[in-house]
Amino acid sequence: CYDTYGASLAGCLVESIAKKPYAAAMQELLFAPLGMEHSWVEMPADRRGELATGYALQDARLLPLPYEY
């Protein structure tokens, strides 16, 4: 059985210890120090154009899929 309870709990612990939202804590404490300039918890809207496009096959045609968080 798979669930996300453990990951959610870990995120809550990060927020509690860092005293800031999870996304901000990850950016400040992990991504920035490691030089990960193209990594985010939440993809900024102005950077979505940099993502690869996903496709779905429908009626023997490839259709581009919209961004999904």
N, C-alpha and C. Protein backbone atom coordinates (compact mmCIF):
# COMPACT_ATOMS: atom_id res chain seq x y z
N CYS A 1 0.85 -1.18 0.00
CA CYS A 1 0.00 0.00 0.00
C CYS A 1 0.90 1.25 0.00
N TYR A 2 0.59 2.19 -0.82
CA TYR A 2 1.40 3.41 -0.95
C TYR A 2 0.53 4.61 -0.57
N ASP A 3 1.12 5.49 0.20
CA ASP A 3 0.46 6.76 0.46
C ASP A 3 1.52 7.83 0.64
N THR A 4 1.11 9.06 0.79
CA THR A 4 2.06 10.16 0.90
C THR A 4 2.12 10.71 2.32
N TYR A 5 1.60 9.98 3.28
CA TYR A 5 1.58 10.47 4.66
C TYR A 5 2.99 10.76 5.17
N GLY A 6 3.92 9.86 4.93
CA GLY A 6 5.28 10.05 5.40
C GLY A 6 5.94 11.28 4.80
N ALA A 7 5.78 11.46 3.49
CA ALA A 7 6.36 12.63 2.83
C ALA A 7 5.70 13.91 3.32
N SER A 8 4.40 13.86 3.54
CA SER A 8 3.68 15.04 4.05
C SER A 8 4.14 15.38 5.46
N LEU A 9 4.32 14.37 6.28
CA LEU A 9 4.80 14.59 7.64
C LEU A 9 6.21 15.18 7.63
N ALA A 10 7.07 14.66 6.76
CA ALA A 10 8.44 15.20 6.65
C ALA A 10 8.39 16.67 6.23
N GLY A 11 7.51 17.02 5.31
CA GLY A 11 7.37 18.42 4.88
C GLY A 11 6.91 19.30 6.03
N CYS A 12 5.98 18.81 6.83
CA CYS A 12 5.52 19.57 8.00
C CYS A 12 6.65 19.77 9.01
N LEU A 13 7.48 18.76 9.18
CA LEU A 13 8.62 18.88 10.09
C LEU A 13 9.62 19.92 9.58
N VAL A 14 9.88 19.92 8.27
CA VAL A 14 10.78 20.93 7.69
C VAL A 14 10.23 22.32 7.95
N GLU A 15 8.94 22.53 7.72
CA GLU A 15 8.33 23.83 7.96
C GLU A 15 8.43 24.23 9.43
N SER A 16 8.20 23.29 10.32
CA SER A 16 8.24 23.58 11.75
C SER A 16 9.64 23.96 12.21
N ILE A 17 10.63 23.23 11.75
CA ILE A 17 12.01 23.48 12.16
C ILE A 17 12.56 24.75 11.50
N ALA A 18 12.29 24.93 10.22
CA ALA A 18 12.82 26.08 9.47
C ALA A 18 12.04 27.36 9.75
N LYS A 19 10.83 27.23 10.29
CA LYS A 19 9.97 28.39 10.57
C LYS A 19 9.64 29.18 9.29
N LYS A 20 9.43 28.44 8.21
CA LYS A 20 9.04 29.05 6.93
C LYS A 20 8.35 27.99 6.08
N PRO A 21 7.62 28.41 5.06
CA PRO A 21 6.95 27.43 4.20
C PRO A 21 7.94 26.45 3.57
N TYR A 22 7.46 25.25 3.33
CA TYR A 22 8.30 24.17 2.79
C TYR A 22 9.04 24.59 1.52
N ALA A 23 8.33 25.19 0.56
CA ALA A 23 8.96 25.58 -0.69
C ALA A 23 10.10 26.57 -0.46
N ALA A 24 9.90 27.53 0.42
CA ALA A 24 10.94 28.53 0.73
C ALA A 24 12.11 27.87 1.44
N ALA A 25 11.83 26.96 2.36
CA ALA A 25 12.89 26.27 3.08
C ALA A 25 13.73 25.42 2.13
N MET A 26 13.09 24.70 1.24
CA MET A 26 13.83 23.87 0.29
C MET A 26 14.71 24.72 -0.62
N GLN A 27 14.18 25.84 -1.07
CA GLN A 27 14.95 26.73 -1.94
C GLN A 27 16.17 27.27 -1.21
N GLU A 28 15.97 27.74 0.02
CA GLU A 28 17.04 28.37 0.79
C GLU A 28 18.06 27.36 1.34
N LEU A 29 17.58 26.23 1.82
CA LEU A 29 18.45 25.30 2.54
C LEU A 29 19.02 24.17 1.69
N LEU A 30 18.41 23.90 0.55
CA LEU A 30 18.88 22.78 -0.27
C LEU A 30 19.27 23.22 -1.68
N PHE A 31 18.31 23.75 -2.42
CA PHE A 31 18.56 24.05 -3.82
C PHE A 31 19.63 25.13 -4.02
N ALA A 32 19.52 26.26 -3.34
CA ALA A 32 20.49 27.35 -3.51
C ALA A 32 21.90 26.94 -3.10
N PRO A 33 22.10 26.35 -1.92
CA PRO A 33 23.47 25.97 -1.54
C PRO A 33 24.12 24.96 -2.50
N LEU A 34 23.32 24.13 -3.13
CA LEU A 34 23.85 23.13 -4.06
C LEU A 34 23.95 23.66 -5.49
N GLY A 35 23.59 24.94 -5.69
CA GLY A 35 23.67 25.52 -7.02
C GLY A 35 22.61 25.01 -7.98
N MET A 36 21.51 24.52 -7.43
CA MET A 36 20.43 23.95 -8.25
C MET A 36 19.51 25.08 -8.70
N GLU A 37 19.92 25.78 -9.76
CA GLU A 37 19.22 26.97 -10.22
C GLU A 37 17.93 26.68 -10.97
N HIS A 38 17.71 25.45 -11.36
CA HIS A 38 16.49 25.08 -12.11
C HIS A 38 15.67 24.04 -11.35
N SER A 39 15.67 24.15 -10.02
CA SER A 39 14.91 23.22 -9.18
C SER A 39 13.97 24.00 -8.28
N TRP A 40 12.73 23.55 -8.20
CA TRP A 40 11.72 24.19 -7.37
C TRP A 40 10.79 23.13 -6.82
N VAL A 41 10.16 23.45 -5.70
CA VAL A 41 9.07 22.64 -5.19
C VAL A 41 7.81 22.98 -5.99
N GLU A 42 7.60 24.27 -6.21
CA GLU A 42 6.47 24.75 -7.01
C GLU A 42 7.04 25.51 -8.20
N MET A 43 6.80 25.03 -9.40
CA MET A 43 7.35 25.64 -10.61
C MET A 43 6.80 27.05 -10.79
N PRO A 44 7.66 28.08 -10.84
CA PRO A 44 7.18 29.44 -11.06
C PRO A 44 6.50 29.54 -12.44
N ALA A 45 5.38 30.23 -12.48
CA ALA A 45 4.61 30.35 -13.73
C ALA A 45 5.46 30.92 -14.86
N ASP A 46 6.35 31.86 -14.55
CA ASP A 46 7.15 32.48 -15.61
C ASP A 46 8.27 31.57 -16.12
N ARG A 47 8.48 30.41 -15.50
CA ARG A 47 9.54 29.49 -15.93
C ARG A 47 8.97 28.22 -16.58
N ARG A 48 7.65 28.10 -16.67
CA ARG A 48 7.04 26.87 -17.20
C ARG A 48 7.40 26.62 -18.65
N GLY A 49 7.76 27.66 -19.39
CA GLY A 49 8.15 27.50 -20.77
C GLY A 49 9.43 26.69 -20.92
N GLU A 50 10.19 26.53 -19.85
CA GLU A 50 11.43 25.77 -19.87
C GLU A 50 11.21 24.26 -19.70
N LEU A 51 9.99 23.87 -19.35
CA LEU A 51 9.69 22.45 -19.13
C LEU A 51 9.56 21.69 -20.44
N ALA A 52 9.85 20.42 -20.39
CA ALA A 52 9.58 19.55 -21.53
C ALA A 52 8.07 19.38 -21.64
N THR A 53 7.59 19.21 -22.85
CA THR A 53 6.16 19.01 -23.08
C THR A 53 5.85 17.52 -23.04
N GLY A 54 4.84 17.17 -22.26
CA GLY A 54 4.36 15.79 -22.23
C GLY A 54 3.31 15.59 -23.31
N TYR A 55 3.16 14.37 -23.78
CA TYR A 55 2.20 14.09 -24.84
C TYR A 55 1.36 12.88 -24.48
N ALA A 56 0.16 12.84 -25.03
CA ALA A 56 -0.73 11.69 -24.88
C ALA A 56 -1.10 11.21 -26.28
N LEU A 57 -1.29 9.93 -26.41
CA LEU A 57 -1.69 9.36 -27.69
C LEU A 57 -3.20 9.22 -27.70
N GLN A 58 -3.82 9.87 -28.67
CA GLN A 58 -5.28 9.80 -28.78
C GLN A 58 -5.64 9.68 -30.26
N ASP A 59 -6.37 8.66 -30.59
CA ASP A 59 -6.78 8.41 -31.99
C ASP A 59 -5.57 8.41 -32.92
N ALA A 60 -4.51 7.74 -32.50
CA ALA A 60 -3.28 7.60 -33.29
C ALA A 60 -2.57 8.94 -33.52
N ARG A 61 -2.88 9.94 -32.69
CA ARG A 61 -2.22 11.25 -32.79
C ARG A 61 -1.61 11.61 -31.44
N LEU A 62 -0.47 12.27 -31.47
CA LEU A 62 0.13 12.77 -30.25
C LEU A 62 -0.41 14.16 -29.95
N LEU A 63 -0.96 14.31 -28.75
CA LEU A 63 -1.51 15.59 -28.33
C LEU A 63 -0.71 16.13 -27.16
N PRO A 64 -0.25 17.39 -27.24
CA PRO A 64 0.50 17.96 -26.12
C PRO A 64 -0.40 18.09 -24.89
N LEU A 65 0.16 17.81 -23.73
CA LEU A 65 -0.58 17.91 -22.48
C LEU A 65 -0.24 19.23 -21.78
N PRO A 66 -1.22 19.83 -21.12
CA PRO A 66 -0.95 21.07 -20.38
C PRO A 66 -0.12 20.78 -19.11
N TYR A 67 0.49 21.80 -18.59
CA TYR A 67 1.25 21.69 -17.33
C TYR A 67 0.31 21.26 -16.21
N GLU A 68 0.77 20.35 -15.39
CA GLU A 68 -0.03 19.90 -14.23
C GLU A 68 0.86 19.83 -13.02
N TYR A 69 0.48 20.52 -11.96
CA TYR A 69 1.27 20.50 -10.72
C TYR A 69 0.88 19.29 -9.92
